[in-house]
C-alpha atoms as a PDB file:
ATOM      1  CA  MET A   1      84.175 110.249 112.766  1.00  0.00           C
ATOM      2  CA  GLU A   2      81.799 110.312 115.782  1.00  0.00           C
ATOM      3  CA  LEU A   3      84.417 111.881 118.005  1.00  0.00           C
ATOM      4  CA  LYS A   4      85.084 114.638 115.527  1.00  0.00           C
ATOM      5  CA  LYS A   5      81.139 115.178 115.325  1.00  0.00           C
ATOM      6  CA  LEU A   6      80.830 115.273 119.143  1.00  0.00           C
ATOM      7  CA  ARG A   7      83.285 118.026 119.160  1.00  0.00           C
ATOM      8  CA  ASP A   8      81.959 119.950 116.520  1.00  0.00           C
ATOM      9  CA  GLU A   9      78.644 120.060 118.102  1.00  0.00           C
ATOM     10  CA  ARG A  10      80.161 121.468 120.945  1.00  0.00           C
ATOM     11  CA  ASN A  11      81.773 124.207 118.905  1.00  0.00           C
ATOM     12  CA  MET A  12      85.232 123.289 120.599  1.00  0.00           C
ATOM     13  CA  THR A  13      88.359 123.616 118.656  1.00  0.00           C
ATOM     14  CA  LEU A  14      91.135 120.729 118.870  1.00  0.00           C
ATOM     15  CA  GLU A  15      93.135 123.108 121.483  1.00  0.00           C
ATOM     16  CA  THR A  16      90.145 123.675 123.346  1.00  0.00           C
ATOM     17  CA  ALA A  17      88.707 119.875 123.365  1.00  0.00           C
ATOM     18  CA  ALA A  18      92.416 118.818 124.246  1.00  0.00           C
ATOM     19  CA  THR A  19      92.672 120.935 127.307  1.00  0.00           C
ATOM     20  CA  ARG A  20      89.811 119.111 128.770  1.00  0.00           C
ATOM     21  CA  ILE A  21      91.524 115.784 128.234  1.00  0.00           C
ATOM     22  CA  VAL A  22      94.067 115.187 131.020  1.00  0.00           C
ATOM     23  CA  LEU A  23      97.600 114.639 129.751  1.00  0.00           C
ATOM     24  CA  ARG A  24      96.754 114.989 125.830  1.00  0.00           C
ATOM     25  CA  SER A  25      97.556 117.464 123.132  1.00  0.00           C
ATOM     26  CA  ASN A  26      95.476 118.570 120.412  1.00  0.00           C
ATOM     27  CA  GLY A  27      98.028 116.624 118.177  1.00  0.00           C
ATOM     28  CA  TRP A  28      97.153 113.539 120.012  1.00  0.00           C
ATOM     29  CA  LEU A  29      93.282 114.282 119.485  1.00  0.00           C
ATOM     30  CA  SER A  30      93.843 115.111 115.802  1.00  0.00           C
ATOM     31  CA  ASN A  31      95.338 111.712 115.292  1.00  0.00           C
ATOM     32  CA  VAL A  32      92.277 110.166 117.062  1.00  0.00           C
ATOM     33  CA  GLU A  33      90.040 111.919 115.028  1.00  0.00           C
ATOM     34  CA  ASN A  34      91.859 111.028 111.735  1.00  0.00           C
ATOM     35  CA  GLY A  35      91.539 107.229 112.406  1.00  0.00           C
ATOM     36  CA  TYR A  36      94.986 106.324 114.576  1.00  0.00           C
ATOM     37  CA  GLY A  37      92.820 104.391 117.054  1.00  0.00           C
ATOM     38  CA  ILE A  38      92.225 105.039 120.857  1.00  0.00           C
ATOM     39  CA  GLY A  39      91.829 102.577 123.594  1.00  0.00           C
ATOM     40  CA  GLY A  40      88.963 101.782 125.702  1.00  0.00           C
ATOM     41  CA  ASP A  41      89.904 103.983 128.751  1.00  0.00           C
ATOM     42  CA  GLU A  42      90.970 106.716 126.749  1.00  0.00           C
ATOM     43  CA  LEU A  43      87.855 106.986 124.664  1.00  0.00           C
ATOM     44  CA  GLU A  44      85.779 106.866 127.942  1.00  0.00           C
ATOM     45  CA  ASP A  45      87.862 109.655 129.242  1.00  0.00           C
ATOM     46  CA  VAL A  46      87.026 111.717 125.979  1.00  0.00           C
ATOM     47  CA  LEU A  47      83.286 110.949 126.248  1.00  0.00           C
ATOM     48  CA  ASP A  48      83.272 112.052 129.981  1.00  0.00           C
ATOM     49  CA  ARG A  49      84.867 115.277 128.881  1.00  0.00           C
ATOM     50  CA  TYR A  50      82.266 115.789 126.374  1.00  0.00           C
ATOM     51  CA  GLY A  51      79.406 114.984 128.614  1.00  0.00           C
ATOM     52  CA  VAL A  52      77.978 112.103 126.586  1.00  0.00           C
ATOM     53  CA  GLU A  53      75.535 110.489 128.754  1.00  0.00           C
ATOM     54  CA  ASP A  54      73.964 107.847 126.588  1.00  0.00           C
ATOM     55  CA  GLN A  55      75.040 104.629 127.570  1.00  0.00           C
ATOM     56  CA  SER A  56      74.040 102.539 124.416  1.00  0.00           C
ATOM     57  CA  PHE A  57      75.981 105.234 122.498  1.00  0.00           C
ATOM     58  CA  ARG A  58      78.978 105.090 124.384  1.00  0.00           C
ATOM     59  CA  MET A  59      78.926 101.188 124.209  1.00  0.00           C
ATOM     60  CA  ALA A  60      78.593 101.464 120.467  1.00  0.00           C
ATOM     61  CA  LEU A  61      81.354 103.708 120.244  1.00  0.00           C
ATOM     62  CA  VAL A  62      83.657 101.496 122.603  1.00  0.00           C
ATOM     63  CA  GLU A  63      82.606  98.527 120.397  1.00  0.00           C
ATOM     64  CA  LEU A  64      84.081 100.541 117.482  1.00  0.00           C
ATOM     65  CA  ALA A  65      87.219 101.463 119.133  1.00  0.00           C
ATOM     66  CA  ARG A  66      87.863  97.564 119.825  1.00  0.00           C
ATOM     67  CA  VAL A  67      86.876  96.319 116.468  1.00  0.00           C
ATOM     68  CA  ASP A  68      89.404  99.225 115.216  1.00  0.00           C
ATOM     69  CA  ARG A  69      92.141  97.677 116.959  1.00  0.00           C
ATOM     70  CA  LYS A  70      91.852  94.216 115.182  1.00  0.00           C
ATOM     71  CA  ARG A  71      93.909  93.551 112.061  1.00  0.00           C
ATOM     72  CA  GLY A  72      91.716  92.433 109.082  1.00  0.00           C
ATOM     73  CA  TRP A  73      92.838  90.589 106.143  1.00  0.00           C
ATOM     74  CA  TRP A  74      93.046  93.821 104.395  1.00  0.00           C
ATOM     75  CA  HIS A  75      95.964  94.788 106.212  1.00  0.00           C
ATOM     76  CA  ARG A  76      97.927  92.479 103.926  1.00  0.00           C
ATOM     77  CA  HIS A  77      97.637  94.733 101.213  1.00  0.00           C
ATOM     78  CA  THR A  78      98.816  98.148 102.413  1.00  0.00           C
ATOM     79  CA  HIS A  79     100.769  98.448  99.287  1.00  0.00           C
ATOM     80  CA  ASP A  80      97.580  98.088  96.949  1.00  0.00           C
ATOM     81  CA  LEU A  81      95.072 100.005  98.906  1.00  0.00           C
ATOM     82  CA  ALA A  82      94.650 103.785  99.691  1.00  0.00           C
ATOM     83  CA  PRO A  83      93.871 104.643 103.386  1.00  0.00           C
ATOM     84  CA  ALA A  84      90.463 105.447 102.337  1.00  0.00           C
ATOM     85  CA  ALA A  85      89.786 102.176 100.683  1.00  0.00           C
ATOM     86  CA  MET A  86      91.143 100.276 103.734  1.00  0.00           C
ATOM     87  CA  ASP A  87      88.792 102.340 106.036  1.00  0.00           C
ATOM     88  CA  PHE A  88      85.627 101.528 103.945  1.00  0.00           C
ATOM     89  CA  ILE A  89      86.681  97.689 103.596  1.00  0.00           C
ATOM     90  CA  SER A  90      87.017  97.650 107.452  1.00  0.00           C
ATOM     91  CA  LEU A  91      83.702  99.413 107.844  1.00  0.00           C
ATOM     92  CA  GLU A  92      82.118  97.081 105.279  1.00  0.00           C
ATOM     93  CA  ALA A  93      83.427  93.884 107.067  1.00  0.00           C
ATOM     94  CA  ASP A  94      81.821  94.958 110.423  1.00  0.00           C
ATOM     95  CA  CYS A  95      78.821  96.584 109.241  1.00  0.00           C
ATOM     96  CA  ARG A  96      75.274  95.406 110.008  1.00  0.00           C
ATOM     97  CA  SER A  97      73.465  96.484 106.938  1.00  0.00           C
ATOM     98  CA  ALA A  98      74.473  98.232 103.397  1.00  0.00           C
ATOM     99  CA  ARG A  99      72.578 100.120 100.813  1.00  0.00           C
ATOM    100  CA  THR A 100      74.014 100.980  97.757  1.00  0.00           C
ATOM    101  CA  TYR A 101      72.944 102.729  94.638  1.00  0.00           C
ATOM    102  CA  GLU A 102      75.216 102.282  91.421  1.00  0.00           C
ATOM    103  CA  VAL A 103      75.079 103.830  88.191  1.00  0.00           C
ATOM    104  CA  LEU A 104      77.596 102.551  85.806  1.00  0.00           C
ATOM    105  CA  ALA A 105      78.945  99.171  87.277  1.00  0.00           C
ATOM    106  CA  VAL A 106      78.176  96.264  89.284  1.00  0.00           C
ATOM    107  CA  PRO A 107      78.882  96.955  92.944  1.00  0.00           C
ATOM    108  CA  GLY A 108      82.216  95.056  93.931  1.00  0.00           C
ATOM    109  CA  LEU A 109      80.378  92.863  96.375  1.00  0.00           C
ATOM    110  CA  LEU A 110      78.630  91.526  93.353  1.00  0.00           C
ATOM    111  CA  GLN A 111      81.022  91.196  90.817  1.00  0.00           C
ATOM    112  CA  THR A 112      82.440  88.056  89.310  1.00  0.00           C
ATOM    113  CA  PRO A 113      86.205  87.425  88.917  1.00  0.00           C
ATOM    114  CA  ALA A 114      85.577  87.853  85.371  1.00  0.00           C
ATOM    115  CA  TYR A 115      83.802  91.033  85.431  1.00  0.00           C
ATOM    116  CA  ALA A 116      86.194  92.504  87.957  1.00  0.00           C
ATOM    117  CA  ASN A 117      89.217  91.623  85.958  1.00  0.00           C
ATOM    118  CA  ALA A 118      87.410  93.606  82.877  1.00  0.00           C
ATOM    119  CA  MET A 119      86.673  96.293  84.626  1.00  0.00           C
ATOM    120  CA  ILE A 120      90.016  97.158  86.628  1.00  0.00           C
ATOM    121  CA  THR A 121      92.515  98.928  84.561  1.00  0.00           C
ATOM    122  CA  LEU A 122      95.736  98.031  85.812  1.00  0.00           C
ATOM    123  CA  GLU A 123      98.995  96.397  84.820  1.00  0.00           C
ATOM    124  CA  PRO A 124      98.516  92.324  84.945  1.00  0.00           C
ATOM    125  CA  GLU A 125      99.932  91.837  88.204  1.00  0.00           C
ATOM    126  CA  ALA A 126      98.129  94.856  89.960  1.00  0.00           C
ATOM    127  CA  ARG A 127      95.293  93.830  88.294  1.00  0.00           C
ATOM    128  CA  ARG A 128      95.514  90.224  89.743  1.00  0.00           C
ATOM    129  CA  ARG A 129      96.015  91.646  93.357  1.00  0.00           C
ATOM    130  CA  ALA A 130      92.876  93.999  93.069  1.00  0.00           C
ATOM    131  CA  VAL A 131      90.690  91.164  92.000  1.00  0.00           C
ATOM    132  CA  GLU A 132      91.851  89.067  94.634  1.00  0.00           C
ATOM    133  CA  ILE A 133      91.063  91.971  97.107  1.00  0.00           C
ATOM    134  CA  ARG A 134      87.694  92.543  95.677  1.00  0.00           C
ATOM    135  CA  MET A 135      86.739  88.814  95.886  1.00  0.00           C
ATOM    136  CA  ALA A 136      88.046  88.688  99.374  1.00  0.00           C
ATOM    137  CA  ARG A 137      85.369  91.526 100.209  1.00  0.00           C
ATOM    138  CA  GLN A 138      82.623  89.007  99.548  1.00  0.00           C
ATOM    139  CA  ARG A 139      83.797  86.824 102.290  1.00  0.00           C
ATOM    140  CA  ILE A 140      81.439  88.821 104.283  1.00  0.00           C
ATOM    141  CA  PHE A 141      78.486  86.703 103.010  1.00  0.00           C
ATOM    142  CA  ASP A 142      80.077  83.434 104.263  1.00  0.00           C
ATOM    143  CA  ASP A 143      79.766  84.942 108.120  1.00  0.00           C
ATOM    144  CA  PRO A 144      76.584  83.715 110.117  1.00  0.00           C
ATOM    145  CA  MET A 145      75.875  87.423 110.991  1.00  0.00           C
ATOM    146  CA  THR A 146      75.596  88.351 107.030  1.00  0.00           C
ATOM    147  CA  PRO A 147      74.807  92.167 106.586  1.00  0.00           C
ATOM    148  CA  ASP A 148      71.449  93.048 104.975  1.00  0.00           C
ATOM    149  CA  PHE A 149      72.350  94.136 101.500  1.00  0.00           C
ATOM    150  CA  ASP A 150      69.940  96.407  99.695  1.00  0.00           C
ATOM    151  CA  VAL A 151      71.112  97.042  96.272  1.00  0.00           C
ATOM    152  CA  LEU A 152      69.570  99.614  93.723  1.00  0.00           C
ATOM    153  CA  LEU A 153      71.199  99.459  90.190  1.00  0.00           C
ATOM    154  CA  ASN A 154      70.546 101.971  87.353  1.00  0.00           C
ATOM    155  CA  GLU A 155      69.252  99.800  84.458  1.00  0.00           C
ATOM    156  CA  ALA A 156      72.439 101.135  82.540  1.00  0.00           C
ATOM    157  CA  VAL A 157      74.406  98.768  84.513  1.00  0.00           C
ATOM    158  CA  LEU A 158      72.965  95.655  82.928  1.00  0.00           C
ATOM    159  CA  HIS A 159      73.494  96.732  79.355  1.00  0.00           C
ATOM    160  CA  GLN A 160      77.412  97.135  80.082  1.00  0.00           C
ATOM    161  CA  ARG A 161      79.448  94.601  77.881  1.00  0.00           C
ATOM    162  CA  LEU A 162      82.353  94.729  80.211  1.00  0.00           C
ATOM    163  CA  GLY A 163      84.724  91.796  78.945  1.00  0.00           C
ATOM    164  CA  GLY A 164      82.505  90.501  76.173  1.00  0.00           C
ATOM    165  CA  PRO A 165      79.161  88.417  75.840  1.00  0.00           C
ATOM    166  CA  GLU A 166      80.724  85.544  78.000  1.00  0.00           C
ATOM    167  CA  VAL A 167      81.710  87.808  81.117  1.00  0.00           C
ATOM    168  CA  THR A 168      78.263  89.717  80.794  1.00  0.00           C
ATOM    169  CA  TYR A 169      76.180  86.472  80.644  1.00  0.00           C
ATOM    170  CA  GLY A 170      78.154  85.184  83.754  1.00  0.00           C
ATOM    171  CA  GLN A 171      77.676  88.524  85.674  1.00  0.00           C
ATOM    172  CA  LEU A 172      73.990  88.878  85.018  1.00  0.00           C
ATOM    173  CA  GLY A 173      73.652  85.074  86.114  1.00  0.00           C
ATOM    174  CA  HIS A 174      75.782  85.795  89.044  1.00  0.00           C
ATOM    175  CA  LEU A 175      73.369  88.625  90.051  1.00  0.00           C
ATOM    176  CA  LEU A 176      70.319  86.546  89.685  1.00  0.00           C
ATOM    177  CA  HIS A 177      72.023  83.968  92.150  1.00  0.00           C
ATOM    178  CA  THR A 178      73.265  86.520  94.551  1.00  0.00           C
ATOM    179  CA  SER A 179      69.424  88.124  94.718  1.00  0.00           C
ATOM    180  CA  GLU A 180      68.577  84.791  96.588  1.00  0.00           C
ATOM    181  CA  ARG A 181      70.848  85.284  99.526  1.00  0.00           C
ATOM    182  CA  PRO A 182      68.990  85.870 102.576  1.00  0.00           C
ATOM    183  CA  GLY A 183      68.808  89.651 103.692  1.00  0.00           C
ATOM    184  CA  SER A 184      69.553  90.591  99.964  1.00  0.00           C
ATOM    185  CA  ASN A 185      67.393  92.783  97.843  1.00  0.00           C
ATOM    186  CA  LEU A 186      68.188  93.569  94.391  1.00  0.00           C
ATOM    187  CA  ARG A 187      66.123  95.878  92.315  1.00  0.00           C
ATOM    188  CA  ILE A 188      66.492  98.088  89.047  1.00  0.00           C
ATOM    189  CA  VAL A 189      65.867 101.634  88.721  1.00  0.00           C
ATOM    190  CA  PRO A 190      64.925 102.121  85.219  1.00  0.00           C
ATOM    191  CA  ALA A 191      66.902 104.486  82.636  1.00  0.00           C
ATOM    192  CA  GLU A 192      64.059 106.887  81.720  1.00  0.00           C
ATOM    193  CA  PRO A 193      64.414 110.541  81.039  1.00  0.00           C
ATOM    194  CA  SER A 194      61.539 111.183  83.238  1.00  0.00           C
ATOM    195  CA  ASN A 195      63.343 109.953  86.188  1.00  0.00           C
ATOM    196  CA  PRO A 196      65.694 112.233  87.157  1.00  0.00           C
ATOM    197  CA  TYR A 197      66.709 110.228  90.382  1.00  0.00           C
ATOM    198  CA  GLY A 198      68.354 107.814  88.310  1.00  0.00           C
ATOM    199  CA  LEU A 199      70.724 110.376  87.109  1.00  0.00           C
ATOM    200  CA  MET A 200      72.225 110.590  90.583  1.00  0.00           C
ATOM    201  CA  GLY A 201      75.922 109.375  91.312  1.00  0.00           C
ATOM    202  CA  ALA A 202      76.730 106.107  93.263  1.00  0.00           C
ATOM    203  CA  PHE A 203      77.013 106.088  96.780  1.00  0.00           C
ATOM    204  CA  THR A 204      76.817 103.571  99.775  1.00  0.00           C
ATOM    205  CA  LEU A 205      75.435 103.723 103.164  1.00  0.00           C
ATOM    206  CA  LEU A 206      76.978 101.483 105.709  1.00  0.00           C
ATOM    207  CA  VAL A 207      75.238 100.906 109.209  1.00  0.00           C
ATOM    208  CA  ILE A 208      77.574  99.802 111.989  1.00  0.00           C
ATOM    209  CA  GLY A 209      77.302  98.871 115.461  1.00  0.00           C
ATOM    210  CA  GLN A 210      74.845  96.686 117.737  1.00  0.00           C
ATOM    211  CA  ALA A 211      73.415  98.486 120.662  1.00  0.00           C
ATOM    212  CA  TYR A 212      73.296 101.813 118.880  1.00  0.00           C
ATOM    213  CA  ARG A 213      73.356 102.216 115.105  1.00  0.00           C
ATOM    214  CA  LEU A 214      75.849 104.635 113.222  1.00  0.00           C
ATOM    215  CA  THR A 215      75.565 105.200 109.736  1.00  0.00           C
ATOM    216  CA  VAL A 216      78.477 106.321 107.574  1.00  0.00           C
ATOM    217  CA  GLY A 217      77.964 107.395 103.936  1.00  0.00           C
ATOM    218  CA  MET A 218      80.553 107.115 100.962  1.00  0.00           C
ATOM    219  CA  VAL A 219      80.067 108.936  97.818  1.00  0.00           C
ATOM    220  CA  GLU A 220      82.359 107.463  94.745  1.00  0.00           C
ATOM    221  CA  SER A 221      83.553 109.880  91.808  1.00  0.00           C
ATOM    222  CA  PRO A 222      86.387 109.757  89.542  1.00  0.00           C
ATOM    223  CA  MET A 223      88.420 111.609  92.531  1.00  0.00           C
ATOM    224  CA  GLY A 224      88.096 108.780  94.755  1.00  0.00           C
ATOM    225  CA  MET A 225      86.343 108.109  97.819  1.00  0.00           C
ATOM    226  CA  THR A 226      84.493 110.994  99.907  1.00  0.00           C
ATOM    227  CA  TYR A 227      83.109 109.837 103.422  1.00  0.00           C
ATOM    228  CA  VAL A 228      79.751 111.631 104.505  1.00  0.00           C
ATOM    229  CA  GLU A 229      79.322 111.705 108.326  1.00  0.00           C
ATOM    230  CA  ARG A 230      77.573 114.647 109.453  1.00  0.00           C
ATOM    231  CA  LEU A 231      74.113 113.546 110.273  1.00  0.00           C
ATOM    232  CA  ASP A 232      72.127 116.096 108.093  1.00  0.00           C
ATOM    233  CA  LYS A 233      74.073 114.918 104.833  1.00  0.00           C
ATOM    234  CA  VAL A 234      73.599 111.267 106.014  1.00  0.00           C
ATOM    235  CA  ARG A 235      69.816 111.860 105.944  1.00  0.00           C
ATOM    236  CA  ARG A 236      70.219 113.535 102.762  1.00  0.00           C
ATOM    237  CA  LEU A 237      71.700 110.477 101.430  1.00  0.00           C
ATOM    238  CA  GLU A 238      69.271 108.081 103.257  1.00  0.00           C
ATOM    239  CA  GLU A 239      66.288 110.329 101.608  1.00  0.00           C
ATOM    240  CA  ARG A 240      68.102 109.985  98.232  1.00  0.00           C
ATOM    241  CA  PHE A 241      68.141 106.257  98.565  1.00  0.00           C
ATOM    242  CA  GLU A 242      64.257 106.228  99.555  1.00  0.00           C
ATOM    243  CA  ARG A 243      63.496 108.273  96.346  1.00  0.00           C
ATOM    244  CA  LEU A 244      65.437 105.898  94.250  1.00  0.00           C
ATOM    245  CA  ARG A 245      63.630 102.872  95.768  1.00  0.00           C
ATOM    246  CA  GLU A 246      60.101 104.374  95.005  1.00  0.00           C
ATOM    247  CA  THR A 247      61.090 104.643  91.249  1.00  0.00           C
ATOM    248  CA  ALA A 248      62.832 101.177  91.114  1.00  0.00           C
ATOM    249  CA  LEU A 249      60.930  97.929  89.653  1.00  0.00           C
ATOM    250  CA  SER A 250      59.416  95.494  91.893  1.00  0.00           C
ATOM    251  CA  ASN A 251      61.837  92.644  92.810  1.00  0.00           C
ATOM    252  CA  ARG A 252      60.111  90.301  90.552  1.00  0.00           C
ATOM    253  CA  ASP A 253      60.222  92.617  87.658  1.00  0.00           C
ATOM    254  CA  SER A 254      63.681  93.555  88.165  1.00  0.00           C
ATOM    255  CA  LEU A 255      64.784  89.988  88.144  1.00  0.00           C
ATOM    256  CA  ALA A 256      62.485  89.405  85.074  1.00  0.00           C
ATOM    257  CA  LEU A 257      64.501  92.308  83.221  1.00  0.00           C
ATOM    258  CA  ILE A 258      67.925  90.844  84.172  1.00  0.00           C
ATOM    259  CA  LYS A 259      66.639  87.320  82.777  1.00  0.00           C
ATOM    260  CA  GLN A 260      65.627  89.424  79.690  1.00  0.00           C
ATOM    261  CA  ILE A 261      68.648  91.114  78.978  1.00  0.00           C
ATOM    262  CA  ARG A 262      71.029  87.977  79.797  1.00  0.00           C
ATOM    263  CA  SER A 263      69.113  86.191  77.310  1.00  0.00           C
ATOM    264  CA  LYS A 264      70.331  88.403  74.825  1.00  0.00           C
ATOM    265  CA  ALA A 265      73.753  88.796  76.174  1.00  0.00           C
END
């Protein structure tokens, strides 16, 4: 994504860019931009050809290229995951912070097995594997370098009754428990007609990298995941998140509302 952005900023086509890279074709560069991986030396060469001098930025991209060559646990589920989902899990596993807004359901990283099982509409065996994958994603919270997790939930999520009262009670209890994790911040956006920001669709922002922070957005829809990589669009999502945060209840009031709704589940 970053290499494509660099090329676009220089108003270069694949063909034009490839001619600057020794012994490489536009097909090779296209594969790189579509996530097929690139070695450290090759990456350094591309950055040289693009005239990228910011050393911290170069270090961050080299770090991402190194991480990309690692095979994570998700590679065992190639038959169950679409390429876009595998890319997202890979980014999620290496992110330094995550911000997410959800409108209709509890985010996957905060779901209980019972809630996930009730939510996923697949055949029994495929559903079992999907729940397993969703729970595996939550292992990032076991890492000493646990990412900061900033979650805004539309109040409507709390009133869902997926799986019945027992599942709902357990899921709301899990939200209360996970809100106590270091670096976690859970707040509720009231479902009020006067709050137009609450009607916005679900999205996630992941910040990746140590020396230089790269932000990637992901917007969910019935048609699947759409990545947001252009700087102006990423900033638009960040502004949207801040508007939602301004309308959200405080942490204390959010937890009180969850407890109140849970007592009636």
